[in-house]
């Protein structure tokens, strides 16, 4: 069977679907990709991983990925804290 080549966008979308915690529909709306297409992409990725369990996607360095995810996590924490403060401020302003 011929090996399929997946685009960088495909790989990034699948990673986003798996790690973001967001619903497929939300991600699809943001990216302009239909829900059935996202579901099919996840299925293709799972099939590929089952066929080749030891093969990593090109350019995937676990240490670099971990570093990137930790940085992303820190940014998300900061954004959440800003939103919490803004919510408290506007709730207080609205009760006046």
Protein backbone atom coordinates (compact mmCIF):
# COMPACT_ATOMS: atom_id res chain seq x y z
CA UNK A 1 0.00 0.00 0.00
CA UNK A 2 1.30 3.45 -0.93
CA UNK A 3 2.26 5.71 1.98
CA UNK A 4 0.05 8.80 2.16
CA UNK A 5 1.67 12.16 2.76
CA UNK A 6 -0.23 14.52 5.01
CA UNK A 7 0.16 18.26 4.91
CA UNK A 8 1.50 20.35 7.76
CA UNK A 9 -1.98 21.87 8.14
CA UNK A 10 -3.53 18.40 8.46
CA UNK A 11 -1.02 17.40 11.13
CA UNK A 12 -1.54 20.65 13.06
CA UNK A 13 -5.33 20.34 12.89
CA UNK A 14 -5.23 16.77 14.20
CA UNK A 15 -2.89 17.84 17.00
CA UNK A 16 -5.25 20.70 17.86
CA UNK A 17 -8.24 18.33 17.90
CA UNK A 18 -6.46 15.98 20.28
CA UNK A 19 -4.90 18.44 22.68
CA UNK A 20 -6.99 21.59 22.83
CA UNK A 21 -9.93 20.23 24.80
CA UNK A 22 -12.24 22.11 22.46
CA UNK A 23 -15.12 20.51 20.57
CA UNK A 24 -14.62 19.42 16.98
CA UNK A 25 -17.41 21.72 15.85
CA UNK A 26 -15.70 24.77 17.42
CA UNK A 27 -12.38 23.94 15.79
CA UNK A 28 -14.09 23.24 12.47
CA UNK A 29 -15.89 26.58 12.57
CA UNK A 30 -12.64 28.39 13.36
CA UNK A 31 -10.75 26.65 10.56
CA UNK A 32 -13.57 26.49 8.02
CA UNK A 33 -13.52 22.69 7.95
CA UNK A 34 -16.66 20.57 8.18
CA UNK A 35 -17.33 18.25 11.11
CA UNK A 36 -17.35 15.08 8.94
CA UNK A 37 -13.99 16.09 7.46
CA UNK A 38 -12.45 16.54 10.92
CA UNK A 39 -13.81 13.18 12.02
CA UNK A 40 -12.36 11.52 8.90
CA UNK A 41 -8.98 13.18 9.51
CA UNK A 42 -8.85 11.85 13.06
CA UNK A 43 -9.72 8.40 11.76
CA UNK A 44 -6.94 8.57 9.15
CA UNK A 45 -4.42 9.58 11.82
CA UNK A 46 -5.50 6.73 14.13
CA UNK A 47 -5.27 4.23 11.27
CA UNK A 48 -1.80 5.44 10.39
CA UNK A 49 -0.61 5.24 13.99
CA UNK A 50 -1.94 1.70 14.31
CA UNK A 51 -0.18 0.66 11.10
CA UNK A 52 3.11 2.30 12.09
CA UNK A 53 3.25 2.63 15.89
CA UNK A 54 6.97 3.45 16.04
CA UNK A 55 6.89 6.15 13.36
CA UNK A 56 6.63 9.76 14.45
CA UNK A 57 5.35 12.50 12.16
CA UNK A 58 8.19 14.36 10.41
CA UNK A 59 9.72 17.10 12.49
CA UNK A 60 8.16 15.96 15.76
CA UNK A 61 10.69 16.36 18.54
CA UNK A 62 9.17 15.32 21.88
CA UNK A 63 11.35 17.70 23.91
CA UNK A 64 10.55 20.65 21.66
CA UNK A 65 6.87 19.74 21.68
CA UNK A 66 6.88 19.59 25.49
CA UNK A 67 8.60 22.98 25.70
CA UNK A 68 6.10 24.50 23.24
CA UNK A 69 3.14 23.04 25.13
CA UNK A 70 4.42 24.32 28.47
CA UNK A 71 4.81 27.81 27.01
CA UNK A 72 1.35 27.61 25.46
CA UNK A 73 -0.06 26.46 28.80
CA UNK A 74 1.53 29.43 30.57
CA UNK A 75 0.06 31.87 28.03
CA UNK A 76 -3.37 30.30 28.45
CA UNK A 77 -3.10 30.61 32.24
CA UNK A 78 -2.23 34.29 31.91
CA UNK A 79 -5.13 34.88 29.52
CA UNK A 80 -7.52 33.10 31.88
CA UNK A 81 -6.37 35.24 34.80
CA UNK A 82 -6.88 38.42 32.78
CA UNK A 83 -10.39 37.29 31.85
CA UNK A 84 -11.18 36.48 35.48
CA UNK A 85 -10.10 39.97 36.56
CA UNK A 86 -12.06 41.58 33.73
CA UNK A 87 -15.17 39.57 34.62
CA UNK A 88 -14.91 40.60 38.27
CA UNK A 89 -14.40 44.24 37.27
CA UNK A 90 -17.40 44.35 34.94
CA UNK A 91 -19.58 42.47 37.40
CA UNK A 92 -18.71 45.05 40.05
CA UNK A 93 -19.31 47.93 37.63
CA UNK A 94 -22.65 46.48 36.56
CA UNK A 95 -23.96 46.31 40.12
CA UNK A 96 -23.56 50.08 40.66
